[in-house]
Amino acid sequence: MRIRAFMKKNYLLIALLLVTVFFAVATKGKLFYSGNVKNLFLQNMYVYILASGMFICILTGGNTDLSCGSAVCLMGAVAGRLMENGFNGVTAFMAMLLIGIMIGIIHGYLIGKMELPSIIVTLAGMSIIRGIANLLLGGYTLSITDEVFLRLFGLSKGYYAVFLFVLFSIMAAVYISEFAPVGKHIYALGGNGEAAKTSGINKTFIVMFAYIFMGILTAIAAAVVCGRTETVGPGLGETYAMDAIAACFIGGTSVSGGKGRMSGVIIGALLMGIINQGMSILGLSVNWQGVIKGVVLVMAVLSGYFLSRKGRKQK
């Protein structure tokens, strides 16, 4: 019984350990090379940032944002075009934030006020946003050369300010979910939407708040990714939504919302980072990486379902 209780309480850490050991063996120890350990964080910074925003959205009632990867591409394309035409990096970043807030308002209103399913709204948004981004890029890859932008978000100038943006994203999600008054309303709405509305909680405001927060963090993720790679291409962000959603569900966030902790999401994001890094070292194709991520996501959802089911039976 003690072993079962221990495994139930620490299943996330156990899964993290098992995945780490698997890829350490599969890569013949290359996973722990200093360069790979460094890249484990640097190449997966977007997962931590986007998962922090996705976590808040999911808590409101299982709402997700499938369009965040496309939004990263659009924001990068807009910023790239602005800097190409003489605007500095700060102005470009402000434009990215504005786009993120606008997308968040639209999604939040349609989902919160109009009560349309988040999967439909953000799936449509994904298509529209990706189309606009590709129109701006014209099928070409833009280079990011602005000194201000690269000093803020890049890795080649010697000062890694990007760590502060990642830390801000995580801490903001922790504050909102654990300490801010709005956090209690978010959990209440996700736990029992009808009861929350009856008690006077404004569903429209809560959902719009969550998606605006998601939009802001998407802008930060876009800036960090574009600063690291110093480019913006038509395929940018295609798998980002799956990575962020998987990090949340792996981290124990309930599929229906109302349950979850940011500490679990951080572990989930780290686990996704190790999976991404391990597959990259092994040289797996993009198709195989997609298959494996899909399997991991389904396993995470199923494990969450069975754990919650056992919890209800014990009560």
C-alpha atoms as a PDB file:
ATOM      1  CA  MET A   1       0.000   0.000   0.000  1.00  0.00           C
ATOM      2  CA  ARG A   2       2.837   2.373   0.831  1.00  0.00           C
ATOM      3  CA  ILE A   3       4.471   1.718  -2.534  1.00  0.00           C
ATOM      4  CA  ARG A   4       1.188   2.342  -4.357  1.00  0.00           C
ATOM      5  CA  ALA A   5       0.585   5.563  -2.414  1.00  0.00           C
ATOM      6  CA  PHE A   6       4.150   6.713  -3.112  1.00  0.00           C
ATOM      7  CA  MET A   7       3.808   6.023  -6.841  1.00  0.00           C
ATOM      8  CA  LYS A   8       0.445   7.806  -7.021  1.00  0.00           C
ATOM      9  CA  LYS A   9       1.845  10.858  -5.246  1.00  0.00           C
ATOM     10  CA  ASN A  10       5.101  11.002  -7.229  1.00  0.00           C
ATOM     11  CA  TYR A  11       4.094   9.554 -10.604  1.00  0.00           C
ATOM     12  CA  LEU A  12       5.262  12.692 -12.427  1.00  0.00           C
ATOM     13  CA  LEU A  13       8.776  12.487 -11.016  1.00  0.00           C
ATOM     14  CA  ILE A  14       8.848   8.737 -11.690  1.00  0.00           C
ATOM     15  CA  ALA A  15       7.808   9.316 -15.312  1.00  0.00           C
ATOM     16  CA  LEU A  16      10.465  12.029 -15.651  1.00  0.00           C
ATOM     17  CA  LEU A  17      13.123   9.684 -14.274  1.00  0.00           C
ATOM     18  CA  LEU A  18      12.090   6.805 -16.554  1.00  0.00           C
ATOM     19  CA  VAL A  19      12.042   8.998 -19.691  1.00  0.00           C
ATOM     20  CA  THR A  20      15.428  10.499 -18.783  1.00  0.00           C
ATOM     21  CA  VAL A  21      16.966   7.044 -18.246  1.00  0.00           C
ATOM     22  CA  PHE A  22      15.451   5.763 -21.501  1.00  0.00           C
ATOM     23  CA  PHE A  23      16.883   8.571 -23.640  1.00  0.00           C
ATOM     24  CA  ALA A  24      20.201   8.476 -21.763  1.00  0.00           C
ATOM     25  CA  VAL A  25      20.551   4.812 -22.729  1.00  0.00           C
ATOM     26  CA  ALA A  26      19.140   5.276 -26.251  1.00  0.00           C
ATOM     27  CA  THR A  27      21.543   8.156 -26.977  1.00  0.00           C
ATOM     28  CA  LYS A  28      24.478   6.329 -25.323  1.00  0.00           C
ATOM     29  CA  GLY A  29      24.923   9.101 -22.784  1.00  0.00           C
ATOM     30  CA  LYS A  30      24.841  11.950 -25.306  1.00  0.00           C
ATOM     31  CA  LEU A  31      21.786  13.397 -23.565  1.00  0.00           C
ATOM     32  CA  PHE A  32      24.057  14.453 -20.678  1.00  0.00           C
ATOM     33  CA  TYR A  33      26.736  16.132 -22.793  1.00  0.00           C
ATOM     34  CA  SER A  34      27.166  19.721 -21.605  1.00  0.00           C
ATOM     35  CA  GLY A  35      26.031  21.162 -24.939  1.00  0.00           C
ATOM     36  CA  ASN A  36      22.911  18.993 -24.977  1.00  0.00           C
ATOM     37  CA  VAL A  37      22.026  19.842 -21.375  1.00  0.00           C
ATOM     38  CA  LYS A  38      22.289  23.522 -22.283  1.00  0.00           C
ATOM     39  CA  ASN A  39      20.174  23.035 -25.396  1.00  0.00           C
ATOM     40  CA  LEU A  40      17.614  21.104 -23.358  1.00  0.00           C
ATOM     41  CA  PHE A  41      16.517  24.418 -21.910  1.00  0.00           C
ATOM     42  CA  LEU A  42      17.397  26.843 -24.692  1.00  0.00           C
ATOM     43  CA  GLN A  43      15.617  24.933 -27.458  1.00  0.00           C
ATOM     44  CA  ASN A  44      12.523  24.315 -25.352  1.00  0.00           C
ATOM     45  CA  MET A  45      12.043  27.729 -23.762  1.00  0.00           C
ATOM     46  CA  TYR A  46       8.866  28.180 -25.782  1.00  0.00           C
ATOM     47  CA  VAL A  47       7.347  25.099 -24.099  1.00  0.00           C
ATOM     48  CA  TYR A  48       7.696  26.634 -20.629  1.00  0.00           C
ATOM     49  CA  ILE A  49       6.271  29.956 -21.792  1.00  0.00           C
ATOM     50  CA  LEU A  50       3.342  28.638 -23.824  1.00  0.00           C
ATOM     51  CA  ALA A  51       2.515  25.927 -21.257  1.00  0.00           C
ATOM     52  CA  SER A  52       2.240  28.628 -18.574  1.00  0.00           C
ATOM     53  CA  GLY A  53      -0.458  30.391 -20.593  1.00  0.00           C
ATOM     54  CA  MET A  54      -2.123  27.164 -21.725  1.00  0.00           C
ATOM     55  CA  PHE A  55      -2.365  26.068 -18.086  1.00  0.00           C
ATOM     56  CA  ILE A  56      -4.500  29.084 -17.173  1.00  0.00           C
ATOM     57  CA  CYS A  57      -6.753  28.541 -20.214  1.00  0.00           C
ATOM     58  CA  ILE A  58      -7.286  24.849 -19.438  1.00  0.00           C
ATOM     59  CA  LEU A  59      -8.162  25.615 -15.820  1.00  0.00           C
ATOM     60  CA  THR A  60     -11.180  27.675 -16.953  1.00  0.00           C
ATOM     61  CA  GLY A  61     -12.968  24.535 -18.108  1.00  0.00           C
ATOM     62  CA  GLY A  62     -10.744  22.503 -20.408  1.00  0.00           C
ATOM     63  CA  ASN A  63     -10.311  25.353 -22.884  1.00  0.00           C
ATOM     64  CA  THR A  64      -7.187  25.150 -25.053  1.00  0.00           C
ATOM     65  CA  ASP A  65      -5.514  27.328 -27.673  1.00  0.00           C
ATOM     66  CA  LEU A  66      -4.635  25.378 -30.808  1.00  0.00           C
ATOM     67  CA  SER A  67      -3.664  28.576 -32.604  1.00  0.00           C
ATOM     68  CA  CYS A  68      -0.702  29.599 -30.423  1.00  0.00           C
ATOM     69  CA  GLY A  69       1.881  28.077 -32.786  1.00  0.00           C
ATOM     70  CA  SER A  70       0.387  29.892 -35.768  1.00  0.00           C
ATOM     71  CA  ALA A  71       0.264  33.080 -33.689  1.00  0.00           C
ATOM     72  CA  VAL A  72       3.995  32.714 -32.983  1.00  0.00           C
ATOM     73  CA  CYS A  73       4.574  32.598 -36.742  1.00  0.00           C
ATOM     74  CA  LEU A  74       2.346  35.633 -37.407  1.00  0.00           C
ATOM     75  CA  MET A  75       3.956  37.695 -34.654  1.00  0.00           C
ATOM     76  CA  GLY A  76       7.406  36.792 -35.915  1.00  0.00           C
ATOM     77  CA  ALA A  77       6.429  37.699 -39.482  1.00  0.00           C
ATOM     78  CA  VAL A  78       5.026  41.085 -38.418  1.00  0.00           C
ATOM     79  CA  ALA A  79       8.053  41.848 -36.256  1.00  0.00           C
ATOM     80  CA  GLY A  80      10.416  40.776 -39.028  1.00  0.00           C
ATOM     81  CA  ARG A  81       8.697  42.982 -41.595  1.00  0.00           C
ATOM     82  CA  LEU A  82       8.677  45.960 -39.215  1.00  0.00           C
ATOM     83  CA  MET A  83      12.396  45.646 -38.483  1.00  0.00           C
ATOM     84  CA  GLU A  84      13.063  45.126 -42.181  1.00  0.00           C
ATOM     85  CA  ASN A  85      11.452  48.520 -42.765  1.00  0.00           C
ATOM     86  CA  GLY A  86      13.492  50.386 -40.180  1.00  0.00           C
ATOM     87  CA  PHE A  87      11.525  49.963 -36.931  1.00  0.00           C
ATOM     88  CA  ASN A  88      13.580  49.008 -33.884  1.00  0.00           C
ATOM     89  CA  GLY A  89      13.268  45.824 -31.870  1.00  0.00           C
ATOM     90  CA  VAL A  90      11.266  47.371 -29.021  1.00  0.00           C
ATOM     91  CA  THR A  91       8.620  48.661 -31.429  1.00  0.00           C
ATOM     92  CA  ALA A  92       8.491  45.251 -33.106  1.00  0.00           C
ATOM     93  CA  PHE A  93       7.984  43.535 -29.750  1.00  0.00           C
ATOM     94  CA  MET A  94       5.214  45.961 -28.812  1.00  0.00           C
ATOM     95  CA  ALA A  95       3.487  45.051 -32.082  1.00  0.00           C
ATOM     96  CA  MET A  96       3.794  41.370 -31.153  1.00  0.00           C
ATOM     97  CA  LEU A  97       2.197  42.044 -27.773  1.00  0.00           C
ATOM     98  CA  LEU A  98      -0.624  44.001 -29.404  1.00  0.00           C
ATOM     99  CA  ILE A  99      -1.347  41.112 -31.789  1.00  0.00           C
ATOM    100  CA  GLY A 100      -1.336  38.673 -28.879  1.00  0.00           C
ATOM    101  CA  ILE A 101      -3.789  40.783 -26.888  1.00  0.00           C
ATOM    102  CA  MET A 102      -6.087  41.197 -29.909  1.00  0.00           C
ATOM    103  CA  ILE A 103      -6.111  37.441 -30.574  1.00  0.00           C
ATOM    104  CA  GLY A 104      -6.774  36.813 -26.875  1.00  0.00           C
ATOM    105  CA  ILE A 105      -9.713  39.238 -26.826  1.00  0.00           C
ATOM    106  CA  ILE A 106     -11.291  37.655 -29.910  1.00  0.00           C
ATOM    107  CA  HIS A 107     -10.840  34.085 -28.693  1.00  0.00           C
ATOM    108  CA  GLY A 108     -11.903  34.942 -25.160  1.00  0.00           C
ATOM    109  CA  TYR A 109     -15.071  36.715 -26.303  1.00  0.00           C
ATOM    110  CA  LEU A 110     -16.141  33.940 -28.672  1.00  0.00           C
ATOM    111  CA  ILE A 111     -15.470  31.226 -26.081  1.00  0.00           C
ATOM    112  CA  GLY A 112     -16.532  33.056 -22.930  1.00  0.00           C
ATOM    113  CA  LYS A 113     -19.406  35.239 -24.114  1.00  0.00           C
ATOM    114  CA  MET A 114     -20.685  33.367 -27.174  1.00  0.00           C
ATOM    115  CA  GLU A 115     -19.900  30.006 -25.509  1.00  0.00           C
ATOM    116  CA  LEU A 116     -18.453  28.490 -28.678  1.00  0.00           C
ATOM    117  CA  PRO A 117     -16.212  25.416 -28.167  1.00  0.00           C
ATOM    118  CA  SER A 118     -12.581  26.414 -27.741  1.00  0.00           C
ATOM    119  CA  ILE A 119     -11.439  23.674 -30.112  1.00  0.00           C
ATOM    120  CA  ILE A 120     -13.558  25.137 -32.939  1.00  0.00           C
ATOM    121  CA  VAL A 121     -12.632  28.760 -32.255  1.00  0.00           C
ATOM    122  CA  THR A 122      -8.895  28.192 -31.956  1.00  0.00           C
ATOM    123  CA  LEU A 123      -8.788  25.648 -34.794  1.00  0.00           C
ATOM    124  CA  ALA A 124     -10.351  28.252 -37.082  1.00  0.00           C
ATOM    125  CA  GLY A 125      -7.982  30.833 -35.632  1.00  0.00           C
ATOM    126  CA  MET A 126      -5.033  28.551 -36.341  1.00  0.00           C
ATOM    127  CA  SER A 127      -5.964  28.364 -40.026  1.00  0.00           C
ATOM    128  CA  ILE A 128      -6.666  32.090 -40.396  1.00  0.00           C
ATOM    129  CA  ILE A 129      -3.584  33.220 -38.489  1.00  0.00           C
ATOM    130  CA  ARG A 130      -1.262  30.812 -40.317  1.00  0.00           C
ATOM    131  CA  GLY A 131      -2.652  31.997 -43.647  1.00  0.00           C
ATOM    132  CA  ILE A 132      -2.025  35.667 -42.805  1.00  0.00           C
ATOM    133  CA  ALA A 133       1.490  34.839 -41.603  1.00  0.00           C
ATOM    134  CA  ASN A 134       2.321  33.020 -44.831  1.00  0.00           C
ATOM    135  CA  LEU A 135       0.941  35.915 -46.879  1.00  0.00           C
ATOM    136  CA  LEU A 136       3.285  38.275 -45.030  1.00  0.00           C
ATOM    137  CA  LEU A 137       6.247  35.943 -45.485  1.00  0.00           C
ATOM    138  CA  GLY A 138       5.425  35.127 -49.102  1.00  0.00           C
ATOM    139  CA  GLY A 139       6.905  31.660 -48.668  1.00  0.00           C
ATOM    140  CA  TYR A 140      10.322  33.053 -47.714  1.00  0.00           C
ATOM    141  CA  THR A 141      12.310  33.049 -44.483  1.00  0.00           C
ATOM    142  CA  LEU A 142      13.107  36.430 -42.943  1.00  0.00           C
ATOM    143  CA  SER A 143      16.354  37.103 -41.126  1.00  0.00           C
ATOM    144  CA  ILE A 144      16.311  38.972 -37.802  1.00  0.00           C
ATOM    145  CA  THR A 145      19.269  41.349 -37.606  1.00  0.00           C
ATOM    146  CA  ASP A 146      18.095  44.185 -35.354  1.00  0.00           C
ATOM    147  CA  GLU A 147      20.652  44.661 -32.557  1.00  0.00           C
ATOM    148  CA  VAL A 148      18.105  45.744 -29.937  1.00  0.00           C
ATOM    149  CA  PHE A 149      15.820  42.781 -30.581  1.00  0.00           C
ATOM    150  CA  LEU A 150      18.687  40.262 -30.538  1.00  0.00           C
ATOM    151  CA  ARG A 151      20.119  41.758 -27.355  1.00  0.00           C
ATOM    152  CA  LEU A 152      16.756  41.369 -25.652  1.00  0.00           C
ATOM    153  CA  PHE A 153      15.729  37.975 -26.996  1.00  0.00           C
ATOM    154  CA  GLY A 154      18.771  36.478 -28.705  1.00  0.00           C
ATOM    155  CA  LEU A 155      21.535  34.202 -27.462  1.00  0.00           C
ATOM    156  CA  SER A 156      24.442  35.384 -29.581  1.00  0.00           C
ATOM    157  CA  LYS A 157      25.135  38.686 -27.827  1.00  0.00           C
ATOM    158  CA  GLY A 158      26.447  37.231 -24.588  1.00  0.00           C
ATOM    159  CA  TYR A 159      23.607  38.399 -22.312  1.00  0.00           C
ATOM    160  CA  TYR A 160      20.814  35.876 -21.928  1.00  0.00           C
ATOM    161  CA  ALA A 161      17.930  38.174 -21.001  1.00  0.00           C
ATOM    162  CA  VAL A 162      15.607  35.469 -22.317  1.00  0.00           C
ATOM    163  CA  PHE A 163      15.913  33.633 -18.990  1.00  0.00           C
ATOM    164  CA  LEU A 164      14.082  36.537 -17.366  1.00  0.00           C
ATOM    165  CA  PHE A 165      11.207  36.252 -19.857  1.00  0.00           C
ATOM    166  CA  VAL A 166      10.877  32.526 -19.189  1.00  0.00           C
ATOM    167  CA  LEU A 167      10.975  33.127 -15.438  1.00  0.00           C
ATOM    168  CA  PHE A 168       8.406  35.924 -15.754  1.00  0.00           C
ATOM    169  CA  SER A 169       6.018  33.652 -17.670  1.00  0.00           C
ATOM    170  CA  ILE A 170       6.231  30.864 -15.088  1.00  0.00           C
ATOM    171  CA  MET A 171       5.978  33.167 -12.074  1.00  0.00           C
ATOM    172  CA  ALA A 172       3.039  35.060 -13.592  1.00  0.00           C
ATOM    173  CA  ALA A 173       1.132  31.779 -14.027  1.00  0.00           C
ATOM    174  CA  VAL A 174       2.034  30.745 -10.457  1.00  0.00           C
ATOM    175  CA  TYR A 175       0.841  34.086  -9.073  1.00  0.00           C
ATOM    176  CA  ILE A 176      -2.430  34.025 -11.017  1.00  0.00           C
ATOM    177  CA  SER A 177      -3.277  30.428 -10.093  1.00  0.00           C
ATOM    178  CA  GLU A 178      -2.048  30.419  -6.488  1.00  0.00           C
ATOM    179  CA  PHE A 179      -2.285  33.941  -5.073  1.00  0.00           C
ATOM    180  CA  ALA A 180      -4.366  36.314  -7.211  1.00  0.00           C
ATOM    181  CA  PRO A 181      -8.107  36.640  -6.414  1.00  0.00           C
ATOM    182  CA  VAL A 182      -8.902  35.880 -10.057  1.00  0.00           C
ATOM    183  CA  GLY A 183      -7.216  32.505  -9.609  1.00  0.00           C
ATOM    184  CA  LYS A 184      -9.952  31.298  -7.243  1.00  0.00           C
ATOM    185  CA  HIS A 185     -12.548  32.260  -9.833  1.00  0.00           C
ATOM    186  CA  ILE A 186     -10.624  30.425 -12.557  1.00  0.00           C
ATOM    187  CA  TYR A 187     -10.547  27.220 -10.515  1.00  0.00           C
ATOM    188  CA  ALA A 188     -14.209  27.630  -9.561  1.00  0.00           C
ATOM    189  CA  LEU A 189     -15.256  28.117 -13.173  1.00  0.00           C
ATOM    190  CA  GLY A 190     -13.340  25.044 -14.279  1.00  0.00           C
ATOM    191  CA  GLY A 191     -14.585  22.945 -11.375  1.00  0.00           C
ATOM    192  CA  ASN A 192     -18.289  23.703 -11.842  1.00  0.00           C
ATOM    193  CA  GLY A 193     -19.164  26.321 -14.446  1.00  0.00           C
ATOM    194  CA  GLU A 194     -22.881  26.519 -13.663  1.00  0.00           C
ATOM    195  CA  ALA A 195     -22.332  26.852  -9.927  1.00  0.00           C
ATOM    196  CA  ALA A 196     -19.657  29.482 -10.526  1.00  0.00           C
ATOM    197  CA  LYS A 197     -21.995  31.582 -12.681  1.00  0.00           C
ATOM    198  CA  THR A 198     -24.776  31.205 -10.093  1.00  0.00           C
ATOM    199  CA  SER A 199     -22.419  32.515  -7.399  1.00  0.00           C
ATOM    200  CA  GLY A 200     -21.797  35.646  -9.457  1.00  0.00           C
ATOM    201  CA  ILE A 201     -18.529  34.818 -11.211  1.00  0.00           C
ATOM    202  CA  ASN A 202     -18.300  36.575 -14.573  1.00  0.00           C
ATOM    203  CA  LYS A 203     -17.467  33.767 -17.007  1.00  0.00           C
ATOM    204  CA  THR A 204     -16.843  36.140 -19.929  1.00  0.00           C
ATOM    205  CA  PHE A 205     -14.299  38.165 -17.968  1.00  0.00           C
ATOM    206  CA  ILE A 206     -12.500  35.081 -16.609  1.00  0.00           C
ATOM    207  CA  VAL A 207     -12.204  33.369 -19.995  1.00  0.00           C
ATOM    208  CA  MET A 208     -11.150  36.599 -21.732  1.00  0.00           C
ATOM    209  CA  PHE A 209      -8.556  37.195 -18.998  1.00  0.00           C
ATOM    210  CA  ALA A 210      -7.142  33.697 -19.546  1.00  0.00           C
ATOM    211  CA  TYR A 211      -6.888  34.099 -23.324  1.00  0.00           C
ATOM    212  CA  ILE A 212      -5.418  37.596 -23.127  1.00  0.00           C
ATOM    213  CA  PHE A 213      -2.789  36.199 -20.755  1.00  0.00           C
ATOM    214  CA  MET A 214      -2.197  33.399 -23.272  1.00  0.00           C
ATOM    215  CA  GLY A 215      -1.822  35.976 -26.047  1.00  0.00           C
ATOM    216  CA  ILE A 216       0.766  37.949 -24.081  1.00  0.00           C
ATOM    217  CA  LEU A 217       2.821  34.840 -23.330  1.00  0.00           C
ATOM    218  CA  THR A 218       2.524  33.769 -26.973  1.00  0.00           C
ATOM    219  CA  ALA A 219       4.093  37.095 -27.951  1.00  0.00           C
ATOM    220  CA  ILE A 220       6.927  36.506 -25.484  1.00  0.00           C
ATOM    221  CA  ALA A 221       7.426  32.981 -26.849  1.00  0.00           C
ATOM    222  CA  ALA A 222       7.491  34.328 -30.412  1.00  0.00           C
ATOM    223  CA  ALA A 223      10.119  36.909 -29.503  1.00  0.00           C
ATOM    224  CA  VAL A 224      12.264  34.341 -27.691  1.00  0.00           C
ATOM    225  CA  VAL A 225      12.092  31.828 -30.559  1.00  0.00           C
ATOM    226  CA  CYS A 226      12.809  34.442 -33.239  1.00  0.00           C
ATOM    227  CA  GLY A 227      15.625  35.883 -31.152  1.00  0.00           C
ATOM    228  CA  ARG A 228      17.239  32.481 -30.666  1.00  0.00           C
ATOM    229  CA  THR A 229      17.000  31.338 -34.281  1.00  0.00           C
ATOM    230  CA  GLU A 230      17.382  34.875 -35.729  1.00  0.00           C
ATOM    231  CA  THR A 231      14.910  33.869 -38.457  1.00  0.00           C
ATOM    232  CA  VAL A 232      11.169  33.630 -39.140  1.00  0.00           C
ATOM    233  CA  GLY A 233       9.953  30.934 -41.546  1.00  0.00           C
ATOM    234  CA  PRO A 234       6.548  29.792 -42.847  1.00  0.00           C
ATOM    235  CA  GLY A 235       6.660  26.592 -40.782  1.00  0.00           C
ATOM    236  CA  LEU A 236       7.496  28.279 -37.484  1.00  0.00           C
ATOM    237  CA  GLY A 237       5.470  27.011 -34.522  1.00  0.00           C
ATOM    238  CA  GLU A 238       3.663  24.121 -36.215  1.00  0.00           C
ATOM    239  CA  THR A 239       4.025  21.750 -33.233  1.00  0.00           C
ATOM    240  CA  TYR A 240       4.065  24.338 -30.445  1.00  0.00           C
ATOM    241  CA  ALA A 241       0.417  23.963 -29.430  1.00  0.00           C
ATOM    242  CA  MET A 242       0.768  20.190 -28.994  1.00  0.00           C
ATOM    243  CA  ASP A 243       3.925  20.643 -26.916  1.00  0.00           C
ATOM    244  CA  ALA A 244       2.253  23.179 -24.606  1.00  0.00           C
ATOM    245  CA  ILE A 245      -0.954  21.158 -24.206  1.00  0.00           C
ATOM    246  CA  ALA A 246       0.998  17.949 -23.617  1.00  0.00           C
ATOM    247  CA  ALA A 247       3.131  19.653 -20.934  1.00  0.00           C
ATOM    248  CA  CYS A 248      -0.053  20.668 -19.089  1.00  0.00           C
ATOM    249  CA  PHE A 249      -1.762  17.273 -19.285  1.00  0.00           C
ATOM    250  CA  ILE A 250       1.428  15.377 -18.479  1.00  0.00           C
ATOM    251  CA  GLY A 251       1.795  17.735 -15.511  1.00  0.00           C
ATOM    252  CA  GLY A 252      -1.521  16.596 -14.090  1.00  0.00           C
ATOM    253  CA  THR A 253      -3.824  19.413 -15.233  1.00  0.00           C
ATOM    254  CA  SER A 254      -7.362  18.073 -15.582  1.00  0.00           C
ATOM    255  CA  VAL A 255      -8.669  17.810 -19.138  1.00  0.00           C
ATOM    256  CA  SER A 256     -11.965  19.317 -17.989  1.00  0.00           C
ATOM    257  CA  GLY A 257     -10.302  22.116 -16.035  1.00  0.00           C
ATOM    258  CA  GLY A 258     -10.502  23.187 -12.411  1.00  0.00           C
ATOM    259  CA  LYS A 259      -7.610  20.982 -11.223  1.00  0.00           C
ATOM    260  CA  GLY A 260      -3.860  21.281 -11.606  1.00  0.00           C
ATOM    261  CA  ARG A 261      -0.766  22.987 -10.253  1.00  0.00           C
ATOM    262  CA  MET A 262       1.869  24.984 -12.060  1.00  0.00           C
ATOM    263  CA  SER A 263       4.592  22.893 -10.411  1.00  0.00           C
ATOM    264  CA  GLY A 264       3.264  19.876 -12.303  1.00  0.00           C
ATOM    265  CA  VAL A 265       3.225  21.832 -15.566  1.00  0.00           C
ATOM    266  CA  ILE A 266       6.902  22.725 -15.085  1.00  0.00           C
ATOM    267  CA  ILE A 267       7.728  19.026 -14.676  1.00  0.00           C
ATOM    268  CA  GLY A 268       5.579  18.267 -17.730  1.00  0.00           C
ATOM    269  CA  ALA A 269       7.399  20.918 -19.753  1.00  0.00           C
ATOM    270  CA  LEU A 270      10.761  19.524 -18.653  1.00  0.00           C
ATOM    271  CA  LEU A 271       9.633  16.038 -19.641  1.00  0.00           C
ATOM    272  CA  MET A 272       8.527  17.299 -23.065  1.00  0.00           C
ATOM    273  CA  GLY A 273      11.869  19.049 -23.405  1.00  0.00           C
ATOM    274  CA  ILE A 274      13.744  15.820 -22.689  1.00  0.00           C
ATOM    275  CA  ILE A 275      11.578  13.968 -25.224  1.00  0.00           C
ATOM    276  CA  ASN A 276      12.216  16.670 -27.853  1.00  0.00           C
ATOM    277  CA  GLN A 277      15.937  16.723 -27.119  1.00  0.00           C
ATOM    278  CA  GLY A 278      16.246  12.950 -27.059  1.00  0.00           C
ATOM    279  CA  MET A 279      14.447  12.507 -30.371  1.00  0.00           C
ATOM    280  CA  SER A 280      16.566  15.249 -31.905  1.00  0.00           C
ATOM    281  CA  ILE A 281      19.792  13.559 -30.794  1.00  0.00           C
ATOM    282  CA  LEU A 282      18.542  10.227 -32.148  1.00  0.00           C
ATOM    283  CA  GLY A 283      17.838  11.933 -35.484  1.00  0.00           C
ATOM    284  CA  LEU A 284      14.203  10.867 -35.674  1.00  0.00           C
ATOM    285  CA  SER A 285      12.190  12.348 -38.511  1.00  0.00           C
ATOM    286  CA  VAL A 286       9.532  14.989 -37.869  1.00  0.00           C
ATOM    287  CA  ASN A 287       6.842  12.403 -38.652  1.00  0.00           C
ATOM    288  CA  TRP A 288       8.096   9.976 -36.024  1.00  0.00           C
ATOM    289  CA  GLN A 289       8.437  12.798 -33.509  1.00  0.00           C
ATOM    290  CA  GLY A 290       4.790  13.660 -34.114  1.00  0.00           C
ATOM    291  CA  VAL A 291       3.747  10.052 -33.577  1.00  0.00           C
ATOM    292  CA  ILE A 292       5.657   9.771 -30.312  1.00  0.00           C
ATOM    293  CA  LYS A 293       4.333  13.088 -28.977  1.00  0.00           C
ATOM    294  CA  GLY A 294       0.800  12.008 -29.815  1.00  0.00           C
ATOM    295  CA  VAL A 295       1.235   8.730 -27.951  1.00  0.00           C
ATOM    296  CA  VAL A 296       2.705  10.541 -24.937  1.00  0.00           C
ATOM    297  CA  LEU A 297      -0.240  12.970 -24.910  1.00  0.00           C
ATOM    298  CA  VAL A 298      -2.814  10.157 -25.003  1.00  0.00           C
ATOM    299  CA  MET A 299      -0.983   8.291 -22.220  1.00  0.00           C
ATOM    300  CA  ALA A 300      -0.928  11.462 -20.099  1.00  0.00           C
ATOM    301  CA  VAL A 301      -4.669  12.014 -20.526  1.00  0.00           C
ATOM    302  CA  LEU A 302      -5.431   8.351 -19.772  1.00  0.00           C
ATOM    303  CA  SER A 303      -3.256   8.316 -16.658  1.00  0.00           C
ATOM    304  CA  GLY A 304      -4.983  11.457 -15.403  1.00  0.00           C
ATOM    305  CA  TYR A 305      -8.361   9.869 -16.057  1.00  0.00           C
ATOM    306  CA  PHE A 306      -7.573   6.629 -14.217  1.00  0.00           C
ATOM    307  CA  LEU A 307      -5.975   8.431 -11.271  1.00  0.00           C
ATOM    308  CA  SER A 308      -9.011  10.711 -10.845  1.00  0.00           C
ATOM    309  CA  ARG A 309     -11.323   7.709 -11.259  1.00  0.00           C
ATOM    310  CA  LYS A 310      -9.532   5.804  -8.502  1.00  0.00           C
ATOM    311  CA  GLY A 311      -9.686   8.911  -6.318  1.00  0.00           C
ATOM    312  CA  ARG A 312     -13.469   9.147  -6.770  1.00  0.00           C
ATOM    313  CA  LYS A 313     -13.916   5.423  -5.982  1.00  0.00           C
ATOM    314  CA  GLN A 314     -11.907   5.729  -2.762  1.00  0.00           C
ATOM    315  CA  LYS A 315     -14.164   8.571  -1.632  1.00  0.00           C
END
